[in-house]
Amino acid sequence: MQTNSKIRPLAVTAMLSAVGCILMMLDFPIPMLIPSFVKMDLSELPALLASFSLGPVYGIVVCLVKNVLSAIFHGSTLGIGEVCNFAMGAMFVGVAGLIYKHKKTRKNAALASLIGSVAMAAFSVPVNFFFSYPVYAAAFGGMDAIIAAYQEINPNVTSLMSCLILFNMPFTLVKGLLTSVVCFLIYKPLSPILHGRK
C-alpha cells in the first residue's frame, strides 16, 4: 500500500509531463500582437495541475521533464527556448503551488494562480534580458534584428528592455491567466485521477 502511494505521484507526474510536452508542440504565434518567434502555448497547464494536486515540487518537475522532452523531440532553438520556458514555468507553478499548499480553497487557488502569473510575467523580463535574447542574438543574427521585429508592430520601441516590458511581460501575464482559467475549468473533473480517488 505504501509503495502504491509513492508510485502514484510519479505516474501522474510522468503522465502530466508527457501532456505538457505535447502542448508545447502545439504552440502558435500571434503575429499581430508580438513577433512570431514568441509563441503562445498552454504547456504550463499540466504543471499547474501537478502543483495544485501533488505539491509545488511536482509542478516544477513537470516543467523540467516536459522541456527536456520537448528539446529532444521538438527542439528548434538549440535548447535556449526550453531553458527559458522552464525558468518561467517553474516560477509560475512554484509560486502558485506554495500559496495554495497553505490553504486549499477555491478562492486561494484563484489568488495563487493570479500571483503566480504576475510573478512569471515579472520574471520573464530578467530571464529574457540577461539570458535568452542575448544568446538568441549571438546565434541568430544580432540584437538589432530582434528589436526590428518588435518595431514592425510598434515603431516606438527602441531598446530590448522596452520590447520586453511592452510586449513580453503582458503576453506572459495573459499566458499565465489563460492557463489558470483552463486549470479551473478542468481541475474538478480530473481530480479523481490526480488524487487517486475513485
C-alpha atoms as a PDB file:
ATOM      1  CA  MET A   1       0.000   0.000   0.000  1.00  0.00           C
ATOM      2  CA  GLN A   2       2.821   2.382   0.879  1.00  0.00           C
ATOM      3  CA  THR A   3       4.602   1.503  -2.369  1.00  0.00           C
ATOM      4  CA  ASN A   4       1.460   2.352  -4.348  1.00  0.00           C
ATOM      5  CA  SER A   5       1.205   5.724  -2.568  1.00  0.00           C
ATOM      6  CA  LYS A   6       4.732   6.550  -3.743  1.00  0.00           C
ATOM      7  CA  ILE A   7       4.269   5.230  -7.274  1.00  0.00           C
ATOM      8  CA  ARG A   8       1.024   7.093  -7.993  1.00  0.00           C
ATOM      9  CA  PRO A   9       2.501  10.645  -7.760  1.00  0.00           C
ATOM     10  CA  LEU A  10       5.387   9.567 -10.004  1.00  0.00           C
ATOM     11  CA  ALA A  11       2.981   8.051 -12.535  1.00  0.00           C
ATOM     12  CA  VAL A  12       0.795  11.180 -12.509  1.00  0.00           C
ATOM     13  CA  THR A  13       3.890  13.370 -12.875  1.00  0.00           C
ATOM     14  CA  ALA A  14       5.106  11.334 -15.854  1.00  0.00           C
ATOM     15  CA  MET A  15       1.681  11.499 -17.496  1.00  0.00           C
ATOM     16  CA  LEU A  16       1.380  15.264 -16.988  1.00  0.00           C
ATOM     17  CA  SER A  17       4.938  15.801 -18.277  1.00  0.00           C
ATOM     18  CA  ALA A  18       4.075  13.964 -21.486  1.00  0.00           C
ATOM     19  CA  VAL A  19       0.922  16.042 -21.929  1.00  0.00           C
ATOM     20  CA  GLY A  20       2.947  19.200 -21.293  1.00  0.00           C
ATOM     21  CA  CYS A  21       5.431  18.201 -23.996  1.00  0.00           C
ATOM     22  CA  ILE A  22       2.588  17.667 -26.481  1.00  0.00           C
ATOM     23  CA  LEU A  23       1.093  21.055 -25.615  1.00  0.00           C
ATOM     24  CA  MET A  24       4.493  22.681 -26.216  1.00  0.00           C
ATOM     25  CA  MET A  25       4.494  21.176 -29.693  1.00  0.00           C
ATOM     26  CA  LEU A  26       1.091  22.783 -30.335  1.00  0.00           C
ATOM     27  CA  ASP A  27       2.400  26.321 -29.815  1.00  0.00           C
ATOM     28  CA  PHE A  28       1.266  29.040 -32.195  1.00  0.00           C
ATOM     29  CA  PRO A  29       2.287  32.637 -32.993  1.00  0.00           C
ATOM     30  CA  ILE A  30       0.119  35.725 -32.562  1.00  0.00           C
ATOM     31  CA  PRO A  31       1.968  37.967 -35.053  1.00  0.00           C
ATOM     32  CA  MET A  32      -0.351  40.972 -34.712  1.00  0.00           C
ATOM     33  CA  LEU A  33       0.441  41.273 -31.002  1.00  0.00           C
ATOM     34  CA  ILE A  34       4.021  40.036 -30.646  1.00  0.00           C
ATOM     35  CA  PRO A  35       6.807  38.875 -33.036  1.00  0.00           C
ATOM     36  CA  SER A  36       6.177  35.393 -34.405  1.00  0.00           C
ATOM     37  CA  PHE A  37       9.245  33.891 -32.689  1.00  0.00           C
ATOM     38  CA  VAL A  38       7.396  34.377 -29.360  1.00  0.00           C
ATOM     39  CA  LYS A  39       4.647  31.768 -29.320  1.00  0.00           C
ATOM     40  CA  MET A  40       1.623  31.018 -27.204  1.00  0.00           C
ATOM     41  CA  ASP A  41       1.079  27.613 -25.637  1.00  0.00           C
ATOM     42  CA  LEU A  42      -0.651  26.106 -22.628  1.00  0.00           C
ATOM     43  CA  SER A  43       2.133  23.708 -21.706  1.00  0.00           C
ATOM     44  CA  GLU A  44       2.237  25.015 -18.113  1.00  0.00           C
ATOM     45  CA  LEU A  45      -1.302  23.699 -17.606  1.00  0.00           C
ATOM     46  CA  PRO A  46      -0.238  20.132 -16.651  1.00  0.00           C
ATOM     47  CA  ALA A  47       2.459  21.562 -14.361  1.00  0.00           C
ATOM     48  CA  LEU A  48      -0.103  23.771 -12.609  1.00  0.00           C
ATOM     49  CA  LEU A  49      -2.384  20.747 -12.184  1.00  0.00           C
ATOM     50  CA  ALA A  50       0.538  18.847 -10.650  1.00  0.00           C
ATOM     51  CA  SER A  51       1.437  21.743  -8.378  1.00  0.00           C
ATOM     52  CA  PHE A  52      -2.110  22.040  -7.015  1.00  0.00           C
ATOM     53  CA  SER A  53      -2.786  18.304  -6.675  1.00  0.00           C
ATOM     54  CA  LEU A  54       0.618  16.928  -5.635  1.00  0.00           C
ATOM     55  CA  GLY A  55       2.604  19.958  -4.467  1.00  0.00           C
ATOM     56  CA  PRO A  56       4.852  22.656  -5.961  1.00  0.00           C
ATOM     57  CA  VAL A  57       7.892  20.383  -6.284  1.00  0.00           C
ATOM     58  CA  TYR A  58       5.947  18.046  -8.583  1.00  0.00           C
ATOM     59  CA  GLY A  59       4.797  21.027 -10.649  1.00  0.00           C
ATOM     60  CA  ILE A  60       8.389  22.149 -11.124  1.00  0.00           C
ATOM     61  CA  VAL A  61       9.417  18.595 -12.043  1.00  0.00           C
ATOM     62  CA  VAL A  62       6.704  18.535 -14.722  1.00  0.00           C
ATOM     63  CA  CYS A  63       8.108  21.817 -16.099  1.00  0.00           C
ATOM     64  CA  LEU A  64      11.582  20.290 -16.211  1.00  0.00           C
ATOM     65  CA  VAL A  65      10.635  16.962 -17.800  1.00  0.00           C
ATOM     66  CA  LYS A  66       8.339  18.433 -20.453  1.00  0.00           C
ATOM     67  CA  ASN A  67      11.086  20.846 -21.512  1.00  0.00           C
ATOM     68  CA  VAL A  68      13.681  18.065 -21.687  1.00  0.00           C
ATOM     69  CA  LEU A  69      11.269  16.001 -23.802  1.00  0.00           C
ATOM     70  CA  SER A  70      10.496  18.999 -25.992  1.00  0.00           C
ATOM     71  CA  ALA A  71      14.203  19.710 -26.546  1.00  0.00           C
ATOM     72  CA  ILE A  72      14.705  16.088 -27.627  1.00  0.00           C
ATOM     73  CA  PHE A  73      11.670  15.692 -29.882  1.00  0.00           C
ATOM     74  CA  HIS A  74      10.787  19.213 -30.986  1.00  0.00           C
ATOM     75  CA  GLY A  75      13.728  21.489 -30.199  1.00  0.00           C
ATOM     76  CA  SER A  76      14.416  24.218 -32.739  1.00  0.00           C
ATOM     77  CA  THR A  77      16.155  26.835 -30.560  1.00  0.00           C
ATOM     78  CA  LEU A  78      19.330  24.981 -29.521  1.00  0.00           C
ATOM     79  CA  GLY A  79      17.759  24.470 -26.096  1.00  0.00           C
ATOM     80  CA  ILE A  80      17.534  28.200 -25.370  1.00  0.00           C
ATOM     81  CA  GLY A  81      13.755  28.307 -25.551  1.00  0.00           C
ATOM     82  CA  GLU A  82      13.400  25.267 -23.327  1.00  0.00           C
ATOM     83  CA  VAL A  83      15.682  26.688 -20.612  1.00  0.00           C
ATOM     84  CA  CYS A  84      13.743  29.957 -20.651  1.00  0.00           C
ATOM     85  CA  ASN A  85      10.405  28.135 -20.655  1.00  0.00           C
ATOM     86  CA  PHE A  86      11.476  26.010 -17.679  1.00  0.00           C
ATOM     87  CA  ALA A  87      12.648  29.011 -15.653  1.00  0.00           C
ATOM     88  CA  MET A  88       9.432  30.960 -16.158  1.00  0.00           C
ATOM     89  CA  GLY A  89       7.160  27.937 -15.809  1.00  0.00           C
ATOM     90  CA  ALA A  90       8.876  26.875 -12.577  1.00  0.00           C
ATOM     91  CA  MET A  91       8.358  30.383 -11.197  1.00  0.00           C
ATOM     92  CA  PHE A  92       4.665  30.279 -12.141  1.00  0.00           C
ATOM     93  CA  VAL A  93       3.731  26.868 -10.761  1.00  0.00           C
ATOM     94  CA  GLY A  94       6.179  27.058  -7.850  1.00  0.00           C
ATOM     95  CA  VAL A  95       4.734  30.313  -6.510  1.00  0.00           C
ATOM     96  CA  ALA A  96       1.129  29.245  -7.174  1.00  0.00           C
ATOM     97  CA  GLY A  97       1.679  25.829  -5.606  1.00  0.00           C
ATOM     98  CA  LEU A  98       3.332  27.211  -2.471  1.00  0.00           C
ATOM     99  CA  ILE A  99       0.486  29.662  -1.862  1.00  0.00           C
ATOM    100  CA  TYR A 100      -2.209  27.054  -2.496  1.00  0.00           C
ATOM    101  CA  LYS A 101      -0.475  24.487  -0.283  1.00  0.00           C
ATOM    102  CA  HIS A 102      -1.072  26.596   2.841  1.00  0.00           C
ATOM    103  CA  LYS A 103      -4.823  26.955   2.266  1.00  0.00           C
ATOM    104  CA  LYS A 104      -6.510  24.618  -0.186  1.00  0.00           C
ATOM    105  CA  THR A 105      -9.658  26.544  -1.069  1.00  0.00           C
ATOM    106  CA  ARG A 106     -11.031  27.598  -4.433  1.00  0.00           C
ATOM    107  CA  LYS A 107     -10.581  31.271  -3.547  1.00  0.00           C
ATOM    108  CA  ASN A 108      -6.961  30.745  -2.550  1.00  0.00           C
ATOM    109  CA  ALA A 109      -6.338  28.751  -5.723  1.00  0.00           C
ATOM    110  CA  ALA A 110      -7.538  31.757  -7.733  1.00  0.00           C
ATOM    111  CA  LEU A 111      -5.294  34.086  -5.730  1.00  0.00           C
ATOM    112  CA  ALA A 112      -2.361  31.682  -6.061  1.00  0.00           C
ATOM    113  CA  SER A 113      -2.819  31.484  -9.834  1.00  0.00           C
ATOM    114  CA  LEU A 114      -3.008  35.270 -10.132  1.00  0.00           C
ATOM    115  CA  ILE A 115       0.124  35.841  -8.044  1.00  0.00           C
ATOM    116  CA  GLY A 116       1.936  33.038  -9.919  1.00  0.00           C
ATOM    117  CA  SER A 117       1.001  34.622 -13.254  1.00  0.00           C
ATOM    118  CA  VAL A 118       2.260  38.048 -12.133  1.00  0.00           C
ATOM    119  CA  ALA A 119       5.481  36.510 -10.798  1.00  0.00           C
ATOM    120  CA  MET A 120       6.083  34.700 -14.091  1.00  0.00           C
ATOM    121  CA  ALA A 121       5.400  37.864 -16.110  1.00  0.00           C
ATOM    122  CA  ALA A 122       7.806  39.922 -13.978  1.00  0.00           C
ATOM    123  CA  PHE A 123      10.435  37.156 -14.034  1.00  0.00           C
ATOM    124  CA  SER A 124      10.229  36.959 -17.837  1.00  0.00           C
ATOM    125  CA  VAL A 125      11.947  40.347 -18.146  1.00  0.00           C
ATOM    126  CA  PRO A 126      15.295  39.488 -16.475  1.00  0.00           C
ATOM    127  CA  VAL A 127      15.273  35.940 -17.910  1.00  0.00           C
ATOM    128  CA  ASN A 128      14.898  37.259 -21.444  1.00  0.00           C
ATOM    129  CA  PHE A 129      17.077  40.345 -20.967  1.00  0.00           C
ATOM    130  CA  PHE A 130      20.075  38.636 -19.391  1.00  0.00           C
ATOM    131  CA  PHE A 131      19.876  35.153 -20.867  1.00  0.00           C
ATOM    132  CA  SER A 132      17.639  34.119 -23.724  1.00  0.00           C
ATOM    133  CA  TYR A 133      17.727  37.169 -26.001  1.00  0.00           C
ATOM    134  CA  PRO A 134      21.497  37.734 -25.779  1.00  0.00           C
ATOM    135  CA  VAL A 135      22.010  34.062 -26.660  1.00  0.00           C
ATOM    136  CA  TYR A 136      19.463  34.292 -29.486  1.00  0.00           C
ATOM    137  CA  ALA A 137      21.185  37.426 -30.761  1.00  0.00           C
ATOM    138  CA  ALA A 138      24.584  35.732 -30.792  1.00  0.00           C
ATOM    139  CA  ALA A 139      23.226  32.650 -32.537  1.00  0.00           C
ATOM    140  CA  PHE A 140      20.647  34.059 -34.939  1.00  0.00           C
ATOM    141  CA  GLY A 141      21.705  37.409 -36.352  1.00  0.00           C
ATOM    142  CA  GLY A 142      22.191  40.104 -33.728  1.00  0.00           C
ATOM    143  CA  MET A 143      20.086  42.149 -31.316  1.00  0.00           C
ATOM    144  CA  ASP A 144      19.166  44.734 -33.977  1.00  0.00           C
ATOM    145  CA  ALA A 145      17.252  42.078 -35.913  1.00  0.00           C
ATOM    146  CA  ILE A 146      15.314  41.111 -32.780  1.00  0.00           C
ATOM    147  CA  ILE A 147      14.385  44.716 -31.948  1.00  0.00           C
ATOM    148  CA  ALA A 148      13.430  45.315 -35.596  1.00  0.00           C
ATOM    149  CA  ALA A 149      10.871  42.519 -35.349  1.00  0.00           C
ATOM    150  CA  TYR A 150       9.197  44.353 -32.453  1.00  0.00           C
ATOM    151  CA  GLN A 151       9.399  47.680 -34.299  1.00  0.00           C
ATOM    152  CA  GLU A 152       7.335  46.220 -37.132  1.00  0.00           C
ATOM    153  CA  ILE A 153       4.457  46.087 -34.634  1.00  0.00           C
ATOM    154  CA  ASN A 154       5.315  49.241 -32.669  1.00  0.00           C
ATOM    155  CA  PRO A 155       7.939  51.571 -34.208  1.00  0.00           C
ATOM    156  CA  ASN A 156       8.307  53.453 -30.904  1.00  0.00           C
ATOM    157  CA  VAL A 157      10.254  50.683 -29.140  1.00  0.00           C
ATOM    158  CA  THR A 158      13.969  51.397 -29.304  1.00  0.00           C
ATOM    159  CA  SER A 159      15.604  49.013 -26.856  1.00  0.00           C
ATOM    160  CA  LEU A 160      15.384  45.401 -25.776  1.00  0.00           C
ATOM    161  CA  MET A 161      14.116  46.396 -22.328  1.00  0.00           C
ATOM    162  CA  SER A 162      11.239  48.412 -23.793  1.00  0.00           C
ATOM    163  CA  CYS A 163      10.363  45.457 -26.045  1.00  0.00           C
ATOM    164  CA  LEU A 164      10.248  43.104 -23.085  1.00  0.00           C
ATOM    165  CA  ILE A 165       8.197  45.429 -20.880  1.00  0.00           C
ATOM    166  CA  LEU A 166       5.697  46.486 -23.546  1.00  0.00           C
ATOM    167  CA  PHE A 167       5.313  43.125 -25.294  1.00  0.00           C
ATOM    168  CA  ASN A 168       6.704  40.093 -23.485  1.00  0.00           C
ATOM    169  CA  MET A 169       5.618  40.898 -19.941  1.00  0.00           C
ATOM    170  CA  PRO A 170       1.912  41.455 -20.770  1.00  0.00           C
ATOM    171  CA  PHE A 171       1.987  38.476 -23.158  1.00  0.00           C
ATOM    172  CA  THR A 172       3.399  36.236 -20.411  1.00  0.00           C
ATOM    173  CA  LEU A 173       0.820  37.520 -17.924  1.00  0.00           C
ATOM    174  CA  VAL A 174      -2.018  36.688 -20.324  1.00  0.00           C
ATOM    175  CA  LYS A 175      -0.497  33.256 -20.889  1.00  0.00           C
ATOM    176  CA  GLY A 176      -0.456  32.591 -17.151  1.00  0.00           C
ATOM    177  CA  LEU A 177      -4.010  33.847 -16.659  1.00  0.00           C
ATOM    178  CA  LEU A 178      -5.312  31.808 -19.598  1.00  0.00           C
ATOM    179  CA  THR A 179      -3.598  28.704 -18.234  1.00  0.00           C
ATOM    180  CA  SER A 180      -5.152  29.384 -14.827  1.00  0.00           C
ATOM    181  CA  VAL A 181      -8.665  29.719 -16.272  1.00  0.00           C
ATOM    182  CA  VAL A 182      -8.371  26.419 -18.133  1.00  0.00           C
ATOM    183  CA  CYS A 183      -6.990  24.792 -14.976  1.00  0.00           C
ATOM    184  CA  PHE A 184     -10.062  25.932 -13.028  1.00  0.00           C
ATOM    185  CA  LEU A 185     -12.357  24.509 -15.692  1.00  0.00           C
ATOM    186  CA  ILE A 186     -10.794  21.046 -15.767  1.00  0.00           C
ATOM    187  CA  TYR A 187      -9.354  20.567 -12.261  1.00  0.00           C
ATOM    188  CA  LYS A 188     -12.511  19.206 -10.637  1.00  0.00           C
ATOM    189  CA  PRO A 189     -13.295  16.629 -13.376  1.00  0.00           C
ATOM    190  CA  LEU A 190      -9.652  15.463 -13.313  1.00  0.00           C
ATOM    191  CA  SER A 191      -9.375  15.481  -9.518  1.00  0.00           C
ATOM    192  CA  PRO A 192     -10.125  11.738  -9.062  1.00  0.00           C
ATOM    193  CA  ILE A 193      -7.252  10.878 -11.427  1.00  0.00           C
ATOM    194  CA  LEU A 194      -4.842  13.416  -9.948  1.00  0.00           C
ATOM    195  CA  HIS A 195      -5.561  12.427  -6.365  1.00  0.00           C
ATOM    196  CA  GLY A 196      -6.029   8.698  -6.964  1.00  0.00           C
ATOM    197  CA  ARG A 197      -9.654   8.683  -5.822  1.00  0.00           C
ATOM    198  CA  LYS A 198     -12.350   6.555  -7.437  1.00  0.00           C
END
